[in-house]
Every structure is written in C-alpha cells, then in structure tokens.
Amino acid sequence: MRTLVVTYAVRYIEVMDAVLQALGDGHRRTVLEILRDHPATVTELAAALPIARPGVSRHLRVLREAGLVSVEQDAQRRIYSLRPEALVEVDEWLEGYRALWQHRLDALHTEVARGRRTRRTEEVS
C-alpha cells in the first residue's frame, strides 16, 4: 500500500513539474490565453506570436506533453484546444498557499485597523 502512495506522489509531482515548467514561458502562456477563447491552428497561433511556426509547434508540443492542450486532426489542419483539467490541478495545489496568504492578509488587515483606532484615540485625547 505504501508503495502505491509513494508512486502516486512521485507521479503527481512529475505532472505538476511539467505543467509549471510549461507555464513558465511567456509564449506558452500567450498560446493558452488564445486557446482559452477558442481553438486555433498553428498558423493562427503563429500570427499572434513574434516567433516562426516551427517555434510555435515546439511550444505546442511542450503544452501537449504537459496535458495543457489537446490536438485534433481536421483534414490537413491540426486544431489545438485548451485542456482546463490540468489547470484545475494547479489551482487545487495553489489553494493551500492561497489559504496561507489569506490568513496573513487577514492578520495584516486587523493590525492596520488597530493602528487606525490607536491613532484616532490619540488624536481625540
């Protein structure tokens, strides 16, 4: 049973690493922004990026291997679409950090509010 858990954890980390590395490049994030709105071909994506089609194809391969995009063959064209499932996993992973920061921001808000009350009390005195 322990081996299964460790294997799952290692696989999960590998998947998250691939997704985060894919998201680390600005051109790939631009591709995802475009695909968020609509599926597109390599030619359409290349028109929106300052790189040649072979470069766009390499970025799409990285995104596909990370599970962030899917590709569908339509005659001679390959149409790429966003796969939001991989982003849901990243969002779930980030939730723990979001909760941590929310707690800290709430504490900061409390301290700022205390400081305002203290200043007002001192000004009234």
N, C-alpha and C. Protein backbone atom coordinates (compact mmCIF):
# COMPACT_ATOMS: atom_id res chain seq x y z
N MET A 1 0.83 -1.20 0.00
CA MET A 1 0.00 0.00 0.00
C MET A 1 0.87 1.26 0.00
N ARG A 2 1.92 1.27 0.81
CA ARG A 2 2.81 2.44 0.90
C ARG A 2 3.47 2.71 -0.45
N THR A 3 3.87 1.66 -1.17
CA THR A 3 4.48 1.82 -2.48
C THR A 3 3.54 2.53 -3.44
N LEU A 4 2.26 2.17 -3.38
CA LEU A 4 1.27 2.81 -4.24
C LEU A 4 1.16 4.30 -3.94
N VAL A 5 1.15 4.67 -2.66
CA VAL A 5 1.05 6.08 -2.26
C VAL A 5 2.28 6.84 -2.73
N VAL A 6 3.46 6.28 -2.51
CA VAL A 6 4.70 6.93 -2.93
C VAL A 6 4.74 7.08 -4.44
N THR A 7 4.35 6.04 -5.17
CA THR A 7 4.32 6.09 -6.63
C THR A 7 3.36 7.16 -7.10
N TYR A 8 2.19 7.25 -6.48
CA TYR A 8 1.22 8.28 -6.84
C TYR A 8 1.81 9.67 -6.58
N ALA A 9 2.46 9.87 -5.43
CA ALA A 9 3.03 11.17 -5.08
C ALA A 9 4.11 11.56 -6.07
N VAL A 10 4.98 10.62 -6.44
CA VAL A 10 6.04 10.92 -7.40
C VAL A 10 5.43 11.27 -8.75
N ARG A 11 4.45 10.54 -9.20
CA ARG A 11 3.79 10.82 -10.49
C ARG A 11 3.11 12.19 -10.44
N TYR A 12 2.44 12.50 -9.33
CA TYR A 12 1.77 13.79 -9.18
C TYR A 12 2.79 14.93 -9.26
N ILE A 13 3.91 14.77 -8.60
CA ILE A 13 4.96 15.80 -8.63
C ILE A 13 5.50 15.96 -10.05
N GLU A 14 5.70 14.86 -10.76
CA GLU A 14 6.20 14.94 -12.14
C GLU A 14 5.21 15.68 -13.04
N VAL A 15 3.93 15.39 -12.87
CA VAL A 15 2.90 16.07 -13.67
C VAL A 15 2.88 17.56 -13.35
N MET A 16 2.91 17.89 -12.06
CA MET A 16 2.89 19.30 -11.66
C MET A 16 4.13 20.02 -12.17
N ASP A 17 5.30 19.37 -12.11
CA ASP A 17 6.52 19.97 -12.63
C ASP A 17 6.38 20.29 -14.11
N ALA A 18 5.85 19.34 -14.88
CA ALA A 18 5.68 19.55 -16.32
C ALA A 18 4.74 20.72 -16.59
N VAL A 19 3.65 20.79 -15.86
CA VAL A 19 2.68 21.87 -16.05
C VAL A 19 3.30 23.22 -15.68
N LEU A 20 3.96 23.27 -14.52
CA LEU A 20 4.55 24.54 -14.08
C LEU A 20 5.69 24.98 -15.00
N GLN A 21 6.48 24.04 -15.49
CA GLN A 21 7.53 24.40 -16.44
C GLN A 21 6.93 24.91 -17.74
N ALA A 22 5.85 24.29 -18.18
CA ALA A 22 5.19 24.75 -19.40
C ALA A 22 4.64 26.16 -19.21
N LEU A 23 4.10 26.44 -18.04
CA LEU A 23 3.54 27.76 -17.76
C LEU A 23 4.62 28.82 -17.55
N GLY A 24 5.86 28.37 -17.36
CA GLY A 24 6.95 29.29 -17.10
C GLY A 24 7.40 30.12 -18.29
N ASP A 25 6.95 29.79 -19.48
CA ASP A 25 7.35 30.50 -20.68
C ASP A 25 6.24 31.45 -21.13
N GLY A 26 6.60 32.69 -21.43
CA GLY A 26 5.62 33.70 -21.83
C GLY A 26 4.89 33.38 -23.11
N HIS A 27 5.60 32.80 -24.09
CA HIS A 27 4.94 32.45 -25.35
C HIS A 27 3.89 31.37 -25.13
N ARG A 28 4.22 30.41 -24.27
CA ARG A 28 3.25 29.35 -24.00
C ARG A 28 2.04 29.88 -23.25
N ARG A 29 2.27 30.83 -22.33
CA ARG A 29 1.11 31.44 -21.64
C ARG A 29 0.25 32.20 -22.64
N THR A 30 0.87 32.87 -23.61
CA THR A 30 0.10 33.57 -24.64
C THR A 30 -0.73 32.58 -25.45
N VAL A 31 -0.13 31.44 -25.79
CA VAL A 31 -0.87 30.40 -26.53
C VAL A 31 -2.08 29.97 -25.71
N LEU A 32 -1.89 29.74 -24.42
CA LEU A 32 -3.02 29.33 -23.56
C LEU A 32 -4.10 30.40 -23.49
N GLU A 33 -3.68 31.67 -23.45
CA GLU A 33 -4.66 32.77 -23.44
C GLU A 33 -5.51 32.73 -24.70
N ILE A 34 -4.87 32.51 -25.83
CA ILE A 34 -5.61 32.45 -27.10
C ILE A 34 -6.55 31.26 -27.09
N LEU A 35 -6.02 30.11 -26.68
CA LEU A 35 -6.83 28.88 -26.69
C LEU A 35 -7.94 28.91 -25.65
N ARG A 36 -7.80 29.77 -24.65
CA ARG A 36 -8.88 29.92 -23.66
C ARG A 36 -10.13 30.46 -24.34
N ASP A 37 -9.92 31.32 -25.34
CA ASP A 37 -11.05 31.93 -26.04
C ASP A 37 -11.62 31.06 -27.15
N HIS A 38 -10.72 30.32 -27.83
CA HIS A 38 -11.18 29.48 -28.96
C HIS A 38 -10.06 28.55 -29.41
N PRO A 39 -10.42 27.40 -29.98
CA PRO A 39 -9.40 26.52 -30.57
C PRO A 39 -8.71 27.24 -31.73
N ALA A 40 -7.49 26.83 -32.03
CA ALA A 40 -6.74 27.50 -33.10
C ALA A 40 -5.74 26.54 -33.73
N THR A 41 -5.35 26.88 -34.95
CA THR A 41 -4.33 26.13 -35.67
C THR A 41 -2.96 26.74 -35.37
N VAL A 42 -1.90 26.04 -35.76
CA VAL A 42 -0.54 26.56 -35.58
C VAL A 42 -0.39 27.88 -36.34
N THR A 43 -0.96 27.96 -37.54
CA THR A 43 -0.87 29.19 -38.34
C THR A 43 -1.51 30.35 -37.61
N GLU A 44 -2.69 30.14 -37.05
CA GLU A 44 -3.37 31.21 -36.31
C GLU A 44 -2.57 31.62 -35.08
N LEU A 45 -1.99 30.66 -34.39
CA LEU A 45 -1.20 30.97 -33.21
C LEU A 45 0.09 31.70 -33.59
N ALA A 46 0.72 31.27 -34.68
CA ALA A 46 1.95 31.91 -35.13
C ALA A 46 1.71 33.37 -35.52
N ALA A 47 0.53 33.67 -36.03
CA ALA A 47 0.20 35.06 -36.40
C ALA A 47 0.12 35.95 -35.17
N ALA A 48 -0.15 35.37 -34.02
CA ALA A 48 -0.29 36.15 -32.79
C ALA A 48 1.01 36.24 -31.99
N LEU A 49 2.01 35.48 -32.39
CA LEU A 49 3.27 35.43 -31.65
C LEU A 49 4.43 35.95 -32.51
N PRO A 50 5.46 36.49 -31.87
CA PRO A 50 6.61 37.01 -32.63
C PRO A 50 7.65 35.93 -32.95
N ILE A 51 7.18 34.70 -33.17
CA ILE A 51 8.10 33.60 -33.50
C ILE A 51 7.56 32.85 -34.70
N ALA A 52 8.45 32.11 -35.35
CA ALA A 52 8.07 31.35 -36.55
C ALA A 52 7.25 30.11 -36.18
N ARG A 53 6.58 29.56 -37.19
CA ARG A 53 5.72 28.39 -36.97
C ARG A 53 6.44 27.22 -36.31
N PRO A 54 7.70 26.91 -36.70
CA PRO A 54 8.37 25.79 -36.02
C PRO A 54 8.52 26.02 -34.52
N GLY A 55 8.76 27.26 -34.13
CA GLY A 55 8.85 27.59 -32.71
C GLY A 55 7.51 27.41 -32.01
N VAL A 56 6.45 27.82 -32.67
CA VAL A 56 5.10 27.65 -32.11
C VAL A 56 4.81 26.16 -31.95
N SER A 57 5.20 25.37 -32.95
CA SER A 57 4.98 23.93 -32.88
C SER A 57 5.73 23.31 -31.69
N ARG A 58 6.94 23.78 -31.44
CA ARG A 58 7.70 23.27 -30.29
C ARG A 58 7.01 23.63 -28.98
N HIS A 59 6.50 24.86 -28.89
CA HIS A 59 5.77 25.26 -27.68
C HIS A 59 4.51 24.43 -27.52
N LEU A 60 3.82 24.16 -28.60
CA LEU A 60 2.60 23.35 -28.53
C LEU A 60 2.92 21.92 -28.09
N ARG A 61 4.05 21.40 -28.52
CA ARG A 61 4.45 20.05 -28.09
C ARG A 61 4.65 20.02 -26.58
N VAL A 62 5.33 21.04 -26.03
CA VAL A 62 5.54 21.11 -24.58
C VAL A 62 4.20 21.20 -23.86
N LEU A 63 3.30 22.04 -24.36
CA LEU A 63 1.97 22.19 -23.75
C LEU A 63 1.17 20.90 -23.83
N ARG A 64 1.29 20.20 -24.96
CA ARG A 64 0.57 18.94 -25.14
C ARG A 64 1.12 17.88 -24.19
N GLU A 65 2.45 17.79 -24.07
CA GLU A 65 3.06 16.80 -23.17
C GLU A 65 2.73 17.08 -21.71
N ALA A 66 2.51 18.34 -21.38
CA ALA A 66 2.12 18.71 -20.01
C ALA A 66 0.63 18.51 -19.77
N GLY A 67 -0.11 18.17 -20.81
CA GLY A 67 -1.55 17.95 -20.68
C GLY A 67 -2.38 19.21 -20.70
N LEU A 68 -1.77 20.33 -21.12
CA LEU A 68 -2.49 21.61 -21.12
C LEU A 68 -3.28 21.86 -22.40
N VAL A 69 -2.90 21.20 -23.48
CA VAL A 69 -3.65 21.35 -24.74
C VAL A 69 -3.88 19.98 -25.35
N SER A 70 -4.90 19.92 -26.16
CA SER A 70 -5.16 18.71 -26.94
C SER A 70 -5.15 19.11 -28.41
N VAL A 71 -4.96 18.13 -29.28
CA VAL A 71 -4.92 18.40 -30.71
C VAL A 71 -5.88 17.46 -31.42
N GLU A 72 -6.53 18.01 -32.43
CA GLU A 72 -7.48 17.25 -33.22
C GLU A 72 -7.12 17.44 -34.69
N GLN A 73 -7.10 16.36 -35.43
CA GLN A 73 -6.79 16.43 -36.86
C GLN A 73 -8.08 16.73 -37.62
N ASP A 74 -8.03 17.74 -38.50
CA ASP A 74 -9.16 18.10 -39.36
C ASP A 74 -8.61 18.24 -40.77
N ALA A 75 -8.69 17.14 -41.53
CA ALA A 75 -8.08 17.07 -42.87
C ALA A 75 -6.58 17.36 -42.72
N GLN A 76 -6.09 18.43 -43.34
CA GLN A 76 -4.66 18.76 -43.27
C GLN A 76 -4.30 19.64 -42.08
N ARG A 77 -5.30 20.09 -41.35
CA ARG A 77 -5.05 21.02 -40.24
C ARG A 77 -5.07 20.30 -38.90
N ARG A 78 -4.26 20.79 -37.98
CA ARG A 78 -4.30 20.34 -36.59
C ARG A 78 -4.87 21.50 -35.79
N ILE A 79 -5.93 21.20 -35.08
CA ILE A 79 -6.60 22.24 -34.29
C ILE A 79 -6.32 21.98 -32.81
N TYR A 80 -5.77 22.98 -32.16
CA TYR A 80 -5.38 22.88 -30.75
C TYR A 80 -6.45 23.51 -29.87
N SER A 81 -6.69 22.85 -28.73
CA SER A 81 -7.68 23.33 -27.76
C SER A 81 -7.07 23.28 -26.37
N LEU A 82 -7.55 24.17 -25.53
CA LEU A 82 -7.13 24.20 -24.13
C LEU A 82 -7.74 23.02 -23.39
N ARG A 83 -6.96 22.39 -22.51
CA ARG A 83 -7.45 21.35 -21.61
C ARG A 83 -7.43 21.92 -20.20
N PRO A 84 -8.51 22.49 -19.74
CA PRO A 84 -8.52 23.16 -18.44
C PRO A 84 -8.31 22.23 -17.25
N GLU A 85 -8.44 20.91 -17.45
CA GLU A 85 -8.29 19.98 -16.33
C GLU A 85 -6.92 20.12 -15.67
N ALA A 86 -5.87 20.29 -16.47
CA ALA A 86 -4.52 20.43 -15.90
C ALA A 86 -4.42 21.70 -15.07
N LEU A 87 -5.11 22.74 -15.47
CA LEU A 87 -5.08 23.99 -14.70
C LEU A 87 -5.88 23.86 -13.41
N VAL A 88 -6.89 23.02 -13.41
CA VAL A 88 -7.67 22.77 -12.20
C VAL A 88 -6.76 22.13 -11.15
N GLU A 89 -5.90 21.20 -11.58
CA GLU A 89 -4.97 20.57 -10.65
C GLU A 89 -4.01 21.59 -10.06
N VAL A 90 -3.52 22.51 -10.89
CA VAL A 90 -2.63 23.57 -10.40
C VAL A 90 -3.39 24.45 -9.42
N ASP A 91 -4.62 24.79 -9.75
CA ASP A 91 -5.44 25.61 -8.87
C ASP A 91 -5.64 24.93 -7.52
N GLU A 92 -5.91 23.63 -7.53
CA GLU A 92 -6.08 22.89 -6.28
C GLU A 92 -4.79 22.88 -5.47
N TRP A 93 -3.66 22.74 -6.16
CA TRP A 93 -2.37 22.76 -5.48
C TRP A 93 -2.10 24.13 -4.85
N LEU A 94 -2.46 25.17 -5.57
CA LEU A 94 -2.25 26.53 -5.08
C LEU A 94 -3.19 26.91 -3.94
N GLU A 95 -4.29 26.19 -3.80
CA GLU A 95 -5.29 26.52 -2.78
C GLU A 95 -4.68 26.58 -1.38
N GLY A 96 -3.79 25.65 -1.07
CA GLY A 96 -3.15 25.68 0.24
C GLY A 96 -2.34 26.94 0.45
N TYR A 97 -1.68 27.41 -0.58
CA TYR A 97 -0.91 28.65 -0.48
C TYR A 97 -1.83 29.86 -0.42
N ARG A 98 -2.92 29.80 -1.17
CA ARG A 98 -3.90 30.88 -1.14
C ARG A 98 -4.47 31.04 0.27
N ALA A 99 -4.78 29.92 0.91
CA ALA A 99 -5.31 29.96 2.26
C ALA A 99 -4.28 30.56 3.22
N LEU A 100 -3.02 30.18 3.06
CA LEU A 100 -1.95 30.73 3.89
C LEU A 100 -1.87 32.24 3.73
N TRP A 101 -1.87 32.71 2.50
CA TRP A 101 -1.77 34.15 2.26
C TRP A 101 -3.02 34.88 2.71
N GLN A 102 -4.18 34.26 2.55
CA GLN A 102 -5.41 34.91 3.02
C GLN A 102 -5.38 35.11 4.52
N HIS A 103 -4.90 34.09 5.22
CA HIS A 103 -4.77 34.21 6.68
C HIS A 103 -3.83 35.36 7.03
N ARG A 104 -2.71 35.45 6.34
CA ARG A 104 -1.74 36.52 6.62
C ARG A 104 -2.31 37.89 6.25
N LEU A 105 -3.03 37.97 5.15
CA LEU A 105 -3.64 39.25 4.76
C LEU A 105 -4.72 39.67 5.76
N ASP A 106 -5.48 38.69 6.24
CA ASP A 106 -6.49 39.00 7.27
C ASP A 106 -5.82 39.55 8.53
N ALA A 107 -4.70 38.93 8.93
CA ALA A 107 -3.97 39.40 10.11
C ALA A 107 -3.43 40.81 9.88
N LEU A 108 -2.92 41.07 8.68
CA LEU A 108 -2.42 42.41 8.36
C LEU A 108 -3.56 43.42 8.42
N HIS A 109 -4.70 43.07 7.86
CA HIS A 109 -5.87 43.96 7.89
C HIS A 109 -6.24 44.28 9.34
N THR A 110 -6.23 43.28 10.20
CA THR A 110 -6.54 43.50 11.62
C THR A 110 -5.55 44.46 12.25
N GLU A 111 -4.26 44.27 11.98
CA GLU A 111 -3.24 45.15 12.55
C GLU A 111 -3.37 46.58 12.02
N VAL A 112 -3.67 46.74 10.75
CA VAL A 112 -3.87 48.08 10.18
C VAL A 112 -5.07 48.75 10.84
N ALA A 113 -6.15 47.99 11.01
CA ALA A 113 -7.35 48.54 11.66
C ALA A 113 -7.04 48.95 13.10
N ARG A 114 -6.27 48.16 13.83
CA ARG A 114 -5.88 48.51 15.20
C ARG A 114 -5.06 49.80 15.21
N GLY A 115 -4.15 49.91 14.25
CA GLY A 115 -3.33 51.11 14.15
C GLY A 115 -4.17 52.35 13.91
N ARG A 116 -5.19 52.25 13.08
CA ARG A 116 -6.08 53.39 12.82
C ARG A 116 -6.84 53.78 14.08
N ARG A 117 -7.33 52.77 14.80
CA ARG A 117 -8.07 53.05 16.04
C ARG A 117 -7.16 53.72 17.06
N THR A 118 -5.92 53.24 17.15
CA THR A 118 -4.97 53.81 18.12
C THR A 118 -4.68 55.26 17.76
N ARG A 119 -4.46 55.56 16.48
CA ARG A 119 -4.18 56.95 16.07
C ARG A 119 -5.38 57.84 16.35
N ARG A 120 -6.59 57.36 16.04
CA ARG A 120 -7.79 58.16 16.30
C ARG A 120 -7.96 58.43 17.77
N THR A 121 -7.70 57.44 18.59
CA THR A 121 -7.82 57.61 20.05
C THR A 121 -6.81 58.63 20.53
N GLU A 122 -5.58 58.58 20.01
CA GLU A 122 -4.55 59.53 20.42
C GLU A 122 -4.89 60.94 19.95
N GLU A 123 -5.50 61.07 18.76
CA GLU A 123 -5.85 62.39 18.23
C GLU A 123 -6.98 63.01 19.04
N VAL A 124 -7.93 62.19 19.50
CA VAL A 124 -9.07 62.69 20.27
C VAL A 124 -8.61 63.13 21.66
N SER A 125 -7.63 62.46 22.23
CA SER A 125 -7.18 62.78 23.60
C SER A 125 -6.53 64.10 23.72
